[in-house]
Amino acid sequence: MKQMKYPYELKKQVVELFFEGESVPELTKRFSIKSRRRIYDWVAIVREHGYTALEYGVPKTTNEKDRETSDLKKENARLKLENEYLKKVLDLRRG
């Protein structure tokens, strides 16, 4: 099943209307949103991270950043070794 992508402006409008007191069933019907859960998720995101997170995504946690940094360091070390290996192969062919 393909997940529906909603534009930022629609998400923002729906969350603002929710904060103004409109009910989730009303909002799902009015904006043709398939899942009530989606609106509750948007509201939770805005409460925790602000409206920009609706547009750009929730900021990564420190653990995710650390894991990504670690992965990049491992890849960098692997590429350095690969580069050194290829340099030695070239030297052997020349020499």
PDB file of N, CA and C in Angstrom:
ATOM      1  N   MET A   1       0.843  -1.184   0.000  1.00  0.00           N
ATOM      2  CA  MET A   1       0.000   0.000   0.000  1.00  0.00           C
ATOM      3  C   MET A   1       0.889   1.249   0.000  1.00  0.00           C
ATOM      4  N   LYS A   2       0.635   2.167  -0.911  1.00  0.00           N
ATOM      5  CA  LYS A   2       1.438   3.378  -1.050  1.00  0.00           C
ATOM      6  C   LYS A   2       1.016   4.409  -0.015  1.00  0.00           C
ATOM      7  N   GLN A   3       2.019   4.995   0.658  1.00  0.00           N
ATOM      8  CA  GLN A   3       1.740   5.992   1.678  1.00  0.00           C
ATOM      9  C   GLN A   3       1.541   7.360   1.018  1.00  0.00           C
ATOM     10  N   MET A   4       0.484   8.048   1.429  1.00  0.00           N
ATOM     11  CA  MET A   4       0.145   9.357   0.874  1.00  0.00           C
ATOM     12  C   MET A   4       1.087  10.415   1.419  1.00  0.00           C
ATOM     13  N   LYS A   5       1.583  11.279   0.518  1.00  0.00           N
ATOM     14  CA  LYS A   5       2.408  12.413   0.918  1.00  0.00           C
ATOM     15  C   LYS A   5       1.535  13.656   0.931  1.00  0.00           C
ATOM     16  N   TYR A   6       1.517  14.342   2.049  1.00  0.00           N
ATOM     17  CA  TYR A   6       0.724  15.558   2.169  1.00  0.00           C
ATOM     18  C   TYR A   6       1.659  16.764   2.175  1.00  0.00           C
ATOM     19  N   PRO A   7       1.275  17.842   1.487  1.00  0.00           N
ATOM     20  CA  PRO A   7       2.129  19.033   1.466  1.00  0.00           C
ATOM     21  C   PRO A   7       2.183  19.708   2.838  1.00  0.00           C
ATOM     22  N   TYR A   8       3.301  20.388   3.078  1.00  0.00           N
ATOM     23  CA  TYR A   8       3.528  21.062   4.350  1.00  0.00           C
ATOM     24  C   TYR A   8       2.393  22.023   4.705  1.00  0.00           C
ATOM     25  N   GLU A   9       1.960  22.837   3.757  1.00  0.00           N
ATOM     26  CA  GLU A   9       0.918  23.833   4.035  1.00  0.00           C
ATOM     27  C   GLU A   9      -0.372  23.176   4.523  1.00  0.00           C
ATOM     28  N   LEU A  10      -0.720  22.034   3.945  1.00  0.00           N
ATOM     29  CA  LEU A  10      -1.921  21.323   4.381  1.00  0.00           C
ATOM     30  C   LEU A  10      -1.734  20.812   5.809  1.00  0.00           C
ATOM     31  N   LYS A  11      -0.580  20.199   6.069  1.00  0.00           N
ATOM     32  CA  LYS A  11      -0.317  19.684   7.417  1.00  0.00           C
ATOM     33  C   LYS A  11      -0.387  20.809   8.451  1.00  0.00           C
ATOM     34  N   LYS A  12       0.240  21.930   8.113  1.00  0.00           N
ATOM     35  CA  LYS A  12       0.259  23.078   9.034  1.00  0.00           C
ATOM     36  C   LYS A  12      -1.162  23.571   9.296  1.00  0.00           C
ATOM     37  N   GLN A  13      -1.949  23.701   8.238  1.00  0.00           N
ATOM     38  CA  GLN A  13      -3.321  24.175   8.369  1.00  0.00           C
ATOM     39  C   GLN A  13      -4.144  23.225   9.237  1.00  0.00           C
ATOM     40  N   VAL A  14      -3.996  21.930   9.017  1.00  0.00           N
ATOM     41  CA  VAL A  14      -4.739  20.936   9.785  1.00  0.00           C
ATOM     42  C   VAL A  14      -4.367  21.016  11.266  1.00  0.00           C
ATOM     43  N   VAL A  15      -3.080  21.114  11.559  1.00  0.00           N
ATOM     44  CA  VAL A  15      -2.635  21.188  12.962  1.00  0.00           C
ATOM     45  C   VAL A  15      -3.137  22.476  13.608  1.00  0.00           C
ATOM     46  N   GLU A  16      -3.070  23.574  12.894  1.00  0.00           N
ATOM     47  CA  GLU A  16      -3.562  24.844  13.449  1.00  0.00           C
ATOM     48  C   GLU A  16      -5.057  24.751  13.757  1.00  0.00           C
ATOM     49  N   LEU A  17      -5.817  24.180  12.852  1.00  0.00           N
ATOM     50  CA  LEU A  17      -7.254  24.020  13.087  1.00  0.00           C
ATOM     51  C   LEU A  17      -7.528  23.084  14.268  1.00  0.00           C
ATOM     52  N   PHE A  18      -6.711  22.054  14.409  1.00  0.00           N
ATOM     53  CA  PHE A  18      -6.833  21.161  15.558  1.00  0.00           C
ATOM     54  C   PHE A  18      -6.619  21.936  16.852  1.00  0.00           C
ATOM     55  N   PHE A  19      -5.562  22.771  16.883  1.00  0.00           N
ATOM     56  CA  PHE A  19      -5.274  23.578  18.074  1.00  0.00           C
ATOM     57  C   PHE A  19      -6.386  24.594  18.352  1.00  0.00           C
ATOM     58  N   GLU A  20      -7.097  25.003  17.295  1.00  0.00           N
ATOM     59  CA  GLU A  20      -8.210  25.934  17.465  1.00  0.00           C
ATOM     60  C   GLU A  20      -9.486  25.234  17.917  1.00  0.00           C
ATOM     61  N   GLY A  21      -9.449  23.891  17.986  1.00  0.00           N
ATOM     62  CA  GLY A  21     -10.584  23.169  18.532  1.00  0.00           C
ATOM     63  C   GLY A  21     -11.357  22.286  17.594  1.00  0.00           C
ATOM     64  N   GLU A  22     -10.968  22.238  16.329  1.00  0.00           N
ATOM     65  CA  GLU A  22     -11.684  21.343  15.404  1.00  0.00           C
ATOM     66  C   GLU A  22     -11.343  19.897  15.746  1.00  0.00           C
ATOM     67  N   SER A  23     -12.314  19.022  15.566  1.00  0.00           N
ATOM     68  CA  SER A  23     -12.101  17.616  15.905  1.00  0.00           C
ATOM     69  C   SER A  23     -11.358  16.892  14.783  1.00  0.00           C
ATOM     70  N   VAL A  24     -10.690  15.832  15.157  1.00  0.00           N
ATOM     71  CA  VAL A  24      -9.946  15.039  14.189  1.00  0.00           C
ATOM     72  C   VAL A  24     -10.874  14.414  13.141  1.00  0.00           C
ATOM     73  N   PRO A  25     -12.031  13.851  13.545  1.00  0.00           N
ATOM     74  CA  PRO A  25     -12.930  13.321  12.511  1.00  0.00           C
ATOM     75  C   PRO A  25     -13.358  14.390  11.494  1.00  0.00           C
ATOM     76  N   GLU A  26     -13.622  15.610  11.968  1.00  0.00           N
ATOM     77  CA  GLU A  26     -13.976  16.700  11.051  1.00  0.00           C
ATOM     78  C   GLU A  26     -12.831  16.985  10.087  1.00  0.00           C
ATOM     79  N   LEU A  27     -11.633  17.041  10.628  1.00  0.00           N
ATOM     80  CA  LEU A  27     -10.464  17.367   9.808  1.00  0.00           C
ATOM     81  C   LEU A  27     -10.164  16.278   8.782  1.00  0.00           C
ATOM     82  N   THR A  28     -10.287  15.031   9.182  1.00  0.00           N
ATOM     83  CA  THR A  28     -10.025  13.954   8.219  1.00  0.00           C
ATOM     84  C   THR A  28     -11.021  14.004   7.064  1.00  0.00           C
ATOM     85  N   LYS A  29     -12.252  14.307   7.383  1.00  0.00           N
ATOM     86  CA  LYS A  29     -13.284  14.388   6.345  1.00  0.00           C
ATOM     87  C   LYS A  29     -13.074  15.621   5.461  1.00  0.00           C
ATOM     88  N   ARG A  30     -12.851  16.765   6.095  1.00  0.00           N
ATOM     89  CA  ARG A  30     -12.722  18.041   5.374  1.00  0.00           C
ATOM     90  C   ARG A  30     -11.534  18.041   4.410  1.00  0.00           C
ATOM     91  N   PHE A  31     -10.415  17.436   4.832  1.00  0.00           N
ATOM     92  CA  PHE A  31      -9.195  17.470   4.023  1.00  0.00           C
ATOM     93  C   PHE A  31      -8.896  16.138   3.334  1.00  0.00           C
ATOM     94  N   SER A  32      -9.822  15.197   3.393  1.00  0.00           N
ATOM     95  CA  SER A  32      -9.664  13.879   2.768  1.00  0.00           C
ATOM     96  C   SER A  32      -8.381  13.178   3.209  1.00  0.00           C
ATOM     97  N   ILE A  33      -8.155  13.192   4.501  1.00  0.00           N
ATOM     98  CA  ILE A  33      -7.001  12.499   5.068  1.00  0.00           C
ATOM     99  C   ILE A  33      -7.474  11.109   5.473  1.00  0.00           C
ATOM    100  N   LYS A  34      -6.762  10.101   5.016  1.00  0.00           N
ATOM    101  CA  LYS A  34      -7.237   8.728   5.178  1.00  0.00           C
ATOM    102  C   LYS A  34      -7.169   8.216   6.614  1.00  0.00           C
ATOM    103  N   SER A  35      -6.211   8.707   7.394  1.00  0.00           N
ATOM    104  CA  SER A  35      -6.005   8.159   8.729  1.00  0.00           C
ATOM    105  C   SER A  35      -6.056   9.253   9.801  1.00  0.00           C
ATOM    106  N   ARG A  36      -6.858   9.028  10.802  1.00  0.00           N
ATOM    107  CA  ARG A  36      -6.897   9.959  11.939  1.00  0.00           C
ATOM    108  C   ARG A  36      -5.553   9.978  12.650  1.00  0.00           C
ATOM    109  N   ARG A  37      -4.926   8.815  12.685  1.00  0.00           N
ATOM    110  CA  ARG A  37      -3.624   8.680  13.362  1.00  0.00           C
ATOM    111  C   ARG A  37      -2.606   9.675  12.811  1.00  0.00           C
ATOM    112  N   ARG A  38      -2.680   9.907  11.512  1.00  0.00           N
ATOM    113  CA  ARG A  38      -1.739  10.836  10.868  1.00  0.00           C
ATOM    114  C   ARG A  38      -1.849  12.235  11.482  1.00  0.00           C
ATOM    115  N   ILE A  39      -3.061  12.695  11.725  1.00  0.00           N
ATOM    116  CA  ILE A  39      -3.247  14.024  12.317  1.00  0.00           C
ATOM    117  C   ILE A  39      -2.676  14.061  13.732  1.00  0.00           C
ATOM    118  N   TYR A  40      -2.956  13.019  14.515  1.00  0.00           N
ATOM    119  CA  TYR A  40      -2.386  12.968  15.863  1.00  0.00           C
ATOM    120  C   TYR A  40      -0.859  12.968  15.819  1.00  0.00           C
ATOM    121  N   ASP A  41      -0.284  12.278  14.831  1.00  0.00           N
ATOM    122  CA  ASP A  41       1.172  12.272  14.677  1.00  0.00           C
ATOM    123  C   ASP A  41       1.695  13.666  14.353  1.00  0.00           C
ATOM    124  N   TRP A  42       1.018  14.373  13.434  1.00  0.00           N
ATOM    125  CA  TRP A  42       1.442  15.730  13.085  1.00  0.00           C
ATOM    126  C   TRP A  42       1.387  16.645  14.302  1.00  0.00           C
ATOM    127  N   VAL A  43       0.322  16.528  15.073  1.00  0.00           N
ATOM    128  CA  VAL A  43       0.172  17.355  16.280  1.00  0.00           C
ATOM    129  C   VAL A  43       1.307  17.064  17.253  1.00  0.00           C
ATOM    130  N   ALA A  44       1.630  15.793  17.452  1.00  0.00           N
ATOM    131  CA  ALA A  44       2.715  15.417  18.367  1.00  0.00           C
ATOM    132  C   ALA A  44       4.057  15.964  17.882  1.00  0.00           C
ATOM    133  N   ILE A  45       4.291  15.902  16.578  1.00  0.00           N
ATOM    134  CA  ILE A  45       5.535  16.424  16.013  1.00  0.00           C
ATOM    135  C   ILE A  45       5.640  17.917  16.265  1.00  0.00           C
ATOM    136  N   VAL A  46       4.547  18.651  16.024  1.00  0.00           N
ATOM    137  CA  VAL A  46       4.570  20.105  16.223  1.00  0.00           C
ATOM    138  C   VAL A  46       4.769  20.439  17.698  1.00  0.00           C
ATOM    139  N   ARG A  47       4.101  19.719  18.573  1.00  0.00           N
ATOM    140  CA  ARG A  47       4.263  19.981  20.008  1.00  0.00           C
ATOM    141  C   ARG A  47       5.702  19.763  20.462  1.00  0.00           C
ATOM    142  N   GLU A  48       6.337  18.734  19.932  1.00  0.00           N
ATOM    143  CA  GLU A  48       7.684  18.403  20.388  1.00  0.00           C
ATOM    144  C   GLU A  48       8.787  19.162  19.655  1.00  0.00           C
ATOM    145  N   HIS A  49       8.597  19.393  18.331  1.00  0.00           N
ATOM    146  CA  HIS A  49       9.687  19.945  17.527  1.00  0.00           C
ATOM    147  C   HIS A  49       9.342  21.229  16.776  1.00  0.00           C
ATOM    148  N   GLY A  50       8.082  21.641  16.788  1.00  0.00           N
ATOM    149  CA  GLY A  50       7.685  22.844  16.071  1.00  0.00           C
ATOM    150  C   GLY A  50       7.243  22.549  14.644  1.00  0.00           C
ATOM    151  N   TYR A  51       6.723  23.583  14.005  1.00  0.00           N
ATOM    152  CA  TYR A  51       6.162  23.424  12.653  1.00  0.00           C
ATOM    153  C   TYR A  51       7.214  23.065  11.610  1.00  0.00           C
ATOM    154  N   THR A  52       8.446  23.507  11.794  1.00  0.00           N
ATOM    155  CA  THR A  52       9.461  23.208  10.782  1.00  0.00           C
ATOM    156  C   THR A  52       9.683  21.708  10.636  1.00  0.00           C
ATOM    157  N   ALA A  53       9.459  20.944  11.704  1.00  0.00           N
ATOM    158  CA  ALA A  53       9.626  19.487  11.629  1.00  0.00           C
ATOM    159  C   ALA A  53       8.589  18.857  10.698  1.00  0.00           C
ATOM    160  N   LEU A  54       7.442  19.509  10.519  1.00  0.00           N
ATOM    161  CA  LEU A  54       6.446  18.992   9.565  1.00  0.00           C
ATOM    162  C   LEU A  54       6.973  19.086   8.136  1.00  0.00           C
ATOM    163  N   GLU A  55       7.754  20.125   7.885  1.00  0.00           N
ATOM    164  CA  GLU A  55       8.261  20.335   6.529  1.00  0.00           C
ATOM    165  C   GLU A  55       9.567  19.598   6.281  1.00  0.00           C
ATOM    166  N   TYR A  56      10.466  19.654   7.249  1.00  0.00           N
ATOM    167  CA  TYR A  56      11.821  19.118   7.043  1.00  0.00           C
ATOM    168  C   TYR A  56      12.104  17.815   7.763  1.00  0.00           C
ATOM    169  N   GLY A  57      11.173  17.354   8.564  1.00  0.00           N
ATOM    170  CA  GLY A  57      11.375  16.112   9.298  1.00  0.00           C
ATOM    171  C   GLY A  57      11.848  16.370  10.714  1.00  0.00           C
ATOM    172  N   VAL A  58      11.694  15.365  11.536  1.00  0.00           N
ATOM    173  CA  VAL A  58      12.097  15.459  12.937  1.00  0.00           C
ATOM    174  C   VAL A  58      13.615  15.396  13.010  1.00  0.00           C
ATOM    175  N   PRO A  59      14.233  16.295  13.781  1.00  0.00           N
ATOM    176  CA  PRO A  59      15.699  16.269  13.901  1.00  0.00           C
ATOM    177  C   PRO A  59      16.176  14.921  14.438  1.00  0.00           C
ATOM    178  N   LYS A  60      17.311  14.497  13.960  1.00  0.00           N
ATOM    179  CA  LYS A  60      17.871  13.228  14.414  1.00  0.00           C
ATOM    180  C   LYS A  60      18.290  13.337  15.875  1.00  0.00           C
ATOM    181  N   THR A  61      18.151  12.226  16.587  1.00  0.00           N
ATOM    182  CA  THR A  61      18.596  12.197  17.974  1.00  0.00           C
ATOM    183  C   THR A  61      20.110  12.066  18.011  1.00  0.00           C
ATOM    184  N   THR A  62      20.681  12.306  19.161  1.00  0.00           N
ATOM    185  CA  THR A  62      22.127  12.207  19.316  1.00  0.00           C
ATOM    186  C   THR A  62      22.607  10.803  18.967  1.00  0.00           C
ATOM    187  N   ASN A  63      21.855   9.787  19.377  1.00  0.00           N
ATOM    188  CA  ASN A  63      22.257   8.412  19.066  1.00  0.00           C
ATOM    189  C   ASN A  63      22.298   8.165  17.561  1.00  0.00           C
ATOM    190  N   GLU A  64      21.312   8.682  16.853  1.00  0.00           N
ATOM    191  CA  GLU A  64      21.290   8.510  15.401  1.00  0.00           C
ATOM    192  C   GLU A  64      22.463   9.240  14.758  1.00  0.00           C
ATOM    193  N   LYS A  65      22.766  10.444  15.240  1.00  0.00           N
ATOM    194  CA  LYS A  65      23.890  11.211  14.706  1.00  0.00           C
ATOM    195  C   LYS A  65      25.204  10.492  14.994  1.00  0.00           C
ATOM    196  N   ASP A  66      25.345   9.966  16.234  1.00  0.00           N
ATOM    197  CA  ASP A  66      26.557   9.242  16.593  1.00  0.00           C
ATOM    198  C   ASP A  66      26.732   8.001  15.728  1.00  0.00           C
ATOM    199  N   ARG A  67      25.643   7.280  15.493  1.00  0.00           N
ATOM    200  CA  ARG A  67      25.687   6.070  14.675  1.00  0.00           C
ATOM    201  C   ARG A  67      26.074   6.430  13.236  1.00  0.00           C
ATOM    202  N   GLU A  68      25.486   7.518  12.719  1.00  0.00           N
ATOM    203  CA  GLU A  68      25.804   7.934  11.357  1.00  0.00           C
ATOM    204  C   GLU A  68      27.259   8.356  11.253  1.00  0.00           C
ATOM    205  N   THR A  69      27.751   9.090  12.257  1.00  0.00           N
ATOM    206  CA  THR A  69      29.154   9.515  12.275  1.00  0.00           C
ATOM    207  C   THR A  69      30.069   8.302  12.323  1.00  0.00           C
ATOM    208  N   SER A  70      29.733   7.331  13.152  1.00  0.00           N
ATOM    209  CA  SER A  70      30.526   6.112  13.258  1.00  0.00           C
ATOM    210  C   SER A  70      30.557   5.370  11.924  1.00  0.00           C
ATOM    211  N   ASP A  71      29.416   5.261  11.275  1.00  0.00           N
ATOM    212  CA  ASP A  71      29.349   4.594   9.976  1.00  0.00           C
ATOM    213  C   ASP A  71      30.209   5.309   8.943  1.00  0.00           C
ATOM    214  N   LEU A  72      30.168   6.637   8.963  1.00  0.00           N
ATOM    215  CA  LEU A  72      30.966   7.411   8.009  1.00  0.00           C
ATOM    216  C   LEU A  72      32.456   7.246   8.284  1.00  0.00           C
ATOM    217  N   LYS A  73      32.841   7.190   9.551  1.00  0.00           N
ATOM    218  CA  LYS A  73      34.253   6.989   9.897  1.00  0.00           C
ATOM    219  C   LYS A  73      34.728   5.619   9.431  1.00  0.00           C
ATOM    220  N   LYS A  74      33.885   4.598   9.614  1.00  0.00           N
ATOM    221  CA  LYS A  74      34.248   3.249   9.159  1.00  0.00           C
ATOM    222  C   LYS A  74      34.416   3.219   7.640  1.00  0.00           C
ATOM    223  N   GLU A  75      33.474   3.861   6.950  1.00  0.00           N
ATOM    224  CA  GLU A  75      33.559   3.887   5.492  1.00  0.00           C
ATOM    225  C   GLU A  75      34.802   4.638   5.036  1.00  0.00           C
ATOM    226  N   ASN A  76      35.119   5.736   5.707  1.00  0.00           N
ATOM    227  CA  ASN A  76      36.297   6.515   5.367  1.00  0.00           C
ATOM    228  C   ASN A  76      37.569   5.685   5.565  1.00  0.00           C
ATOM    229  N   ALA A  77      37.649   4.950   6.669  1.00  0.00           N
ATOM    230  CA  ALA A  77      38.816   4.105   6.928  1.00  0.00           C
ATOM    231  C   ALA A  77      38.933   3.015   5.864  1.00  0.00           C
ATOM    232  N   ARG A  78      37.796   2.415   5.482  1.00  0.00           N
ATOM    233  CA  ARG A  78      37.808   1.384   4.448  1.00  0.00           C
ATOM    234  C   ARG A  78      38.294   1.944   3.117  1.00  0.00           C
ATOM    235  N   LEU A  79      37.815   3.144   2.780  1.00  0.00           N
ATOM    236  CA  LEU A  79      38.223   3.758   1.516  1.00  0.00           C
ATOM    237  C   LEU A  79      39.703   4.128   1.518  1.00  0.00           C
ATOM    238  N   LYS A  80      40.216   4.558   2.651  1.00  0.00           N
ATOM    239  CA  LYS A  80      41.653   4.859   2.747  1.00  0.00           C
ATOM    240  C   LYS A  80      42.483   3.600   2.515  1.00  0.00           C
ATOM    241  N   LEU A  81      42.059   2.486   3.139  1.00  0.00           N
ATOM    242  CA  LEU A  81      42.771   1.224   2.940  1.00  0.00           C
ATOM    243  C   LEU A  81      42.710   0.780   1.485  1.00  0.00           C
ATOM    244  N   GLU A  82      41.544   0.925   0.897  1.00  0.00           N
ATOM    245  CA  GLU A  82      41.375   0.552  -0.503  1.00  0.00           C
ATOM    246  C   GLU A  82      42.278   1.402  -1.393  1.00  0.00           C
ATOM    247  N   ASN A  83      42.361   2.679  -1.098  1.00  0.00           N
ATOM    248  CA  ASN A  83      43.197   3.596  -1.856  1.00  0.00           C
ATOM    249  C   ASN A  83      44.673   3.213  -1.736  1.00  0.00           C
ATOM    250  N   GLU A  84      45.110   2.905  -0.522  1.00  0.00           N
ATOM    251  CA  GLU A  84      46.499   2.486  -0.307  1.00  0.00           C
ATOM    252  C   GLU A  84      46.804   1.200  -1.074  1.00  0.00           C
ATOM    253  N   TYR A  85      45.879   0.266  -1.028  1.00  0.00           N
ATOM    254  CA  TYR A  85      46.045  -0.997  -1.743  1.00  0.00           C
ATOM    255  C   TYR A  85      46.221  -0.742  -3.243  1.00  0.00           C
ATOM    256  N   LEU A  86      45.353   0.095  -3.792  1.00  0.00           N
ATOM    257  CA  LEU A  86      45.435   0.381  -5.230  1.00  0.00           C
ATOM    258  C   LEU A  86      46.739   1.097  -5.588  1.00  0.00           C
ATOM    259  N   LYS A  87      47.221   1.965  -4.719  1.00  0.00           N
ATOM    260  CA  LYS A  87      48.513   2.634  -4.954  1.00  0.00           C
ATOM    261  C   LYS A  87      49.649   1.611  -5.006  1.00  0.00           C
ATOM    262  N   LYS A  88      49.614   0.632  -4.101  1.00  0.00           N
ATOM    263  CA  LYS A  88      50.655  -0.389  -4.073  1.00  0.00           C
ATOM    264  C   LYS A  88      50.605  -1.269  -5.317  1.00  0.00           C
ATOM    265  N   VAL A  89      49.382  -1.603  -5.764  1.00  0.00           N
ATOM    266  CA  VAL A  89      49.249  -2.392  -6.991  1.00  0.00           C
ATOM    267  C   VAL A  89      49.829  -1.630  -8.175  1.00  0.00           C
ATOM    268  N   LEU A  90      49.561  -0.349  -8.254  1.00  0.00           N
ATOM    269  CA  LEU A  90      50.100   0.471  -9.341  1.00  0.00           C
ATOM    270  C   LEU A  90      51.617   0.543  -9.263  1.00  0.00           C
ATOM    271  N   ASP A  91      52.150   0.704  -8.049  1.00  0.00           N
ATOM    272  CA  ASP A  91      53.605   0.745  -7.874  1.00  0.00           C
ATOM    273  C   ASP A  91      54.263  -0.563  -8.335  1.00  0.00           C
ATOM    274  N   LEU A  92      53.646  -1.704  -8.003  1.00  0.00           N
ATOM    275  CA  LEU A  92      54.186  -3.000  -8.402  1.00  0.00           C
ATOM    276  C   LEU A  92      54.171  -3.184  -9.919  1.00  0.00           C
ATOM    277  N   ARG A  93      53.133  -2.692 -10.554  1.00  0.00           N
ATOM    278  CA  ARG A  93      53.036  -2.807 -12.011  1.00  0.00           C
ATOM    279  C   ARG A  93      54.077  -1.930 -12.716  1.00  0.00           C
ATOM    280  N   ARG A  94      54.355  -0.783 -12.109  1.00  0.00           N
ATOM    281  CA  ARG A  94      55.332   0.143 -12.711  1.00  0.00           C
ATOM    282  C   ARG A  94      56.767  -0.362 -12.508  1.00  0.00           C
ATOM    283  N   GLY A  95      56.978  -0.957 -11.372  1.00  0.00           N
ATOM    284  CA  GLY A  95      58.317  -1.213 -10.959  1.00  0.00           C
ATOM    285  C   GLY A  95      58.992  -2.416 -11.334  1.00  0.00           C
TER     286      GLY A  95
END
